[in-house]
C-alpha atoms as a PDB file:
ATOM      1  CA  MET A   1     123.856  65.805  60.065  1.00  0.00           C
ATOM      2  CA  GLU A   2     123.378  67.830  56.945  1.00  0.00           C
ATOM      3  CA  GLN A   3     126.021  69.564  54.899  1.00  0.00           C
ATOM      4  CA  LEU A   4     125.484  73.335  54.880  1.00  0.00           C
ATOM      5  CA  ALA A   5     125.903  73.451  51.103  1.00  0.00           C
ATOM      6  CA  GLU A   6     122.820  71.245  50.733  1.00  0.00           C
ATOM      7  CA  ARG A   7     120.587  73.778  52.487  1.00  0.00           C
ATOM      8  CA  ARG A   8     119.085  77.064  51.396  1.00  0.00           C
ATOM      9  CA  PRO A   9     120.851  80.063  52.923  1.00  0.00           C
ATOM     10  CA  ARG A  10     119.044  81.554  55.890  1.00  0.00           C
ATOM     11  CA  LYS A  11     119.708  84.118  58.556  1.00  0.00           C
ATOM     12  CA  LEU A  12     120.672  82.764  61.943  1.00  0.00           C
ATOM     13  CA  PHE A  13     121.057  84.736  65.145  1.00  0.00           C
ATOM     14  CA  ILE A  14     122.654  84.452  68.560  1.00  0.00           C
ATOM     15  CA  ARG A  15     120.335  85.360  71.433  1.00  0.00           C
ATOM     16  CA  ASP A  16     122.894  87.001  73.725  1.00  0.00           C
ATOM     17  CA  VAL A  17     126.560  86.874  72.730  1.00  0.00           C
ATOM     18  CA  GLU A  18     127.565  88.270  76.142  1.00  0.00           C
ATOM     19  CA  LYS A  19     126.435  84.998  77.745  1.00  0.00           C
ATOM     20  CA  MET A  20     128.748  82.988  75.494  1.00  0.00           C
ATOM     21  CA  ARG A  21     130.739  80.279  77.272  1.00  0.00           C
ATOM     22  CA  ILE A  22     133.694  78.380  75.914  1.00  0.00           C
ATOM     23  CA  GLU A  23     134.760  74.950  77.161  1.00  0.00           C
ATOM     24  CA  TYR A  24     137.614  72.765  76.035  1.00  0.00           C
ATOM     25  CA  ASP A  25     137.705  69.021  76.710  1.00  0.00           C
ATOM     26  CA  LYS A  26     141.368  68.069  76.469  1.00  0.00           C
ATOM     27  CA  GLN A  27     140.674  64.333  76.629  1.00  0.00           C
ATOM     28  CA  SER A  28     138.446  64.364  73.538  1.00  0.00           C
ATOM     29  CA  ASP A  29     140.167  67.428  71.988  1.00  0.00           C
ATOM     30  CA  THR A  30     136.805  69.121  71.529  1.00  0.00           C
ATOM     31  CA  LEU A  31     136.041  72.832  71.815  1.00  0.00           C
ATOM     32  CA  TYR A  32     132.493  73.803  72.761  1.00  0.00           C
ATOM     33  CA  ILE A  33     131.160  77.322  72.250  1.00  0.00           C
ATOM     34  CA  HIS A  34     127.799  77.763  73.976  1.00  0.00           C
ATOM     35  CA  PHE A  35     125.409  80.625  73.209  1.00  0.00           C
ATOM     36  CA  ALA A  36     122.636  79.008  75.250  1.00  0.00           C
ATOM     37  CA  GLU A  37     122.540  76.551  78.126  1.00  0.00           C
ATOM     38  CA  PRO A  38     124.075  73.236  77.009  1.00  0.00           C
ATOM     39  CA  GLU A  39     120.897  71.458  78.130  1.00  0.00           C
ATOM     40  CA  GLU A  40     118.801  73.344  75.552  1.00  0.00           C
ATOM     41  CA  GLU A  41     118.048  70.844  72.840  1.00  0.00           C
ATOM     42  CA  ALA A  42     118.794  71.674  69.240  1.00  0.00           C
ATOM     43  CA  GLU A  43     116.333  70.905  66.473  1.00  0.00           C
ATOM     44  CA  GLU A  44     119.180  70.281  64.075  1.00  0.00           C
ATOM     45  CA  ALA A  45     122.929  69.992  63.959  1.00  0.00           C
ATOM     46  CA  ILE A  46     124.620  71.059  60.751  1.00  0.00           C
ATOM     47  CA  LEU A  47     128.115  70.005  59.718  1.00  0.00           C
ATOM     48  CA  VAL A  48     129.611  73.240  58.360  1.00  0.00           C
ATOM     49  CA  GLY A  49     133.212  72.178  57.928  1.00  0.00           C
ATOM     50  CA  ASP A  50     135.795  69.574  58.792  1.00  0.00           C
ATOM     51  CA  ASN A  51     134.478  68.333  62.163  1.00  0.00           C
ATOM     52  CA  ILE A  52     132.708  71.616  62.940  1.00  0.00           C
ATOM     53  CA  VAL A  53     129.060  71.352  63.945  1.00  0.00           C
ATOM     54  CA  VAL A  54     126.556  74.156  64.541  1.00  0.00           C
ATOM     55  CA  ARG A  55     123.595  73.358  66.805  1.00  0.00           C
ATOM     56  CA  ILE A  56     120.430  75.248  65.831  1.00  0.00           C
ATOM     57  CA  ARG A  57     116.861  75.615  67.085  1.00  0.00           C
ATOM     58  CA  GLY A  58     114.636  77.606  64.751  1.00  0.00           C
ATOM     59  CA  ASP A  59     116.858  80.430  63.530  1.00  0.00           C
ATOM     60  CA  GLU A  60     118.935  80.578  66.728  1.00  0.00           C
ATOM     61  CA  VAL A  61     122.487  79.263  67.039  1.00  0.00           C
ATOM     62  CA  LEU A  62     122.714  77.387  70.342  1.00  0.00           C
ATOM     63  CA  GLY A  63     126.338  76.387  70.019  1.00  0.00           C
ATOM     64  CA  ILE A  64     129.306  75.404  67.924  1.00  0.00           C
ATOM     65  CA  THR A  65     131.369  72.263  68.454  1.00  0.00           C
ATOM     66  CA  VAL A  66     134.861  71.894  67.001  1.00  0.00           C
ATOM     67  CA  MET A  67     136.094  68.311  67.147  1.00  0.00           C
ATOM     68  CA  GLU A  68     139.843  67.631  66.792  1.00  0.00           C
ATOM     69  CA  PHE A  69     140.368  71.254  67.818  1.00  0.00           C
ATOM     70  CA  MET A  70     144.172  71.119  68.102  1.00  0.00           C
ATOM     71  CA  ARG A  71     144.439  69.675  64.590  1.00  0.00           C
ATOM     72  CA  HIS A  72     142.528  72.701  63.301  1.00  0.00           C
ATOM     73  CA  VAL A  73     144.861  75.040  65.175  1.00  0.00           C
ATOM     74  CA  GLU A  74     148.007  73.251  64.014  1.00  0.00           C
ATOM     75  CA  GLN A  75     146.855  73.413  60.375  1.00  0.00           C
ATOM     76  CA  GLN A  76     146.841  77.215  60.626  1.00  0.00           C
ATOM     77  CA  TYR A  77     150.501  77.302  61.735  1.00  0.00           C
ATOM     78  CA  ARG A  78     152.154  74.884  59.307  1.00  0.00           C
END
């Protein structure tokens, strides 16, 4: 995965935000935000923060994955 800071800025888009689906896997503490079908393969996955990955194909955001989700939430309320 690449760090976002290492890349040139570019415009990304979401095909249809109304079809967004959110899933949470309690066992792995991972939040998945899907803007496309999960089976759609990404061309790249970019690490944009502490355990936050954006899946991209072309200029389209397919999804966002937040690993250790509860840790991120708890950090906001310390």
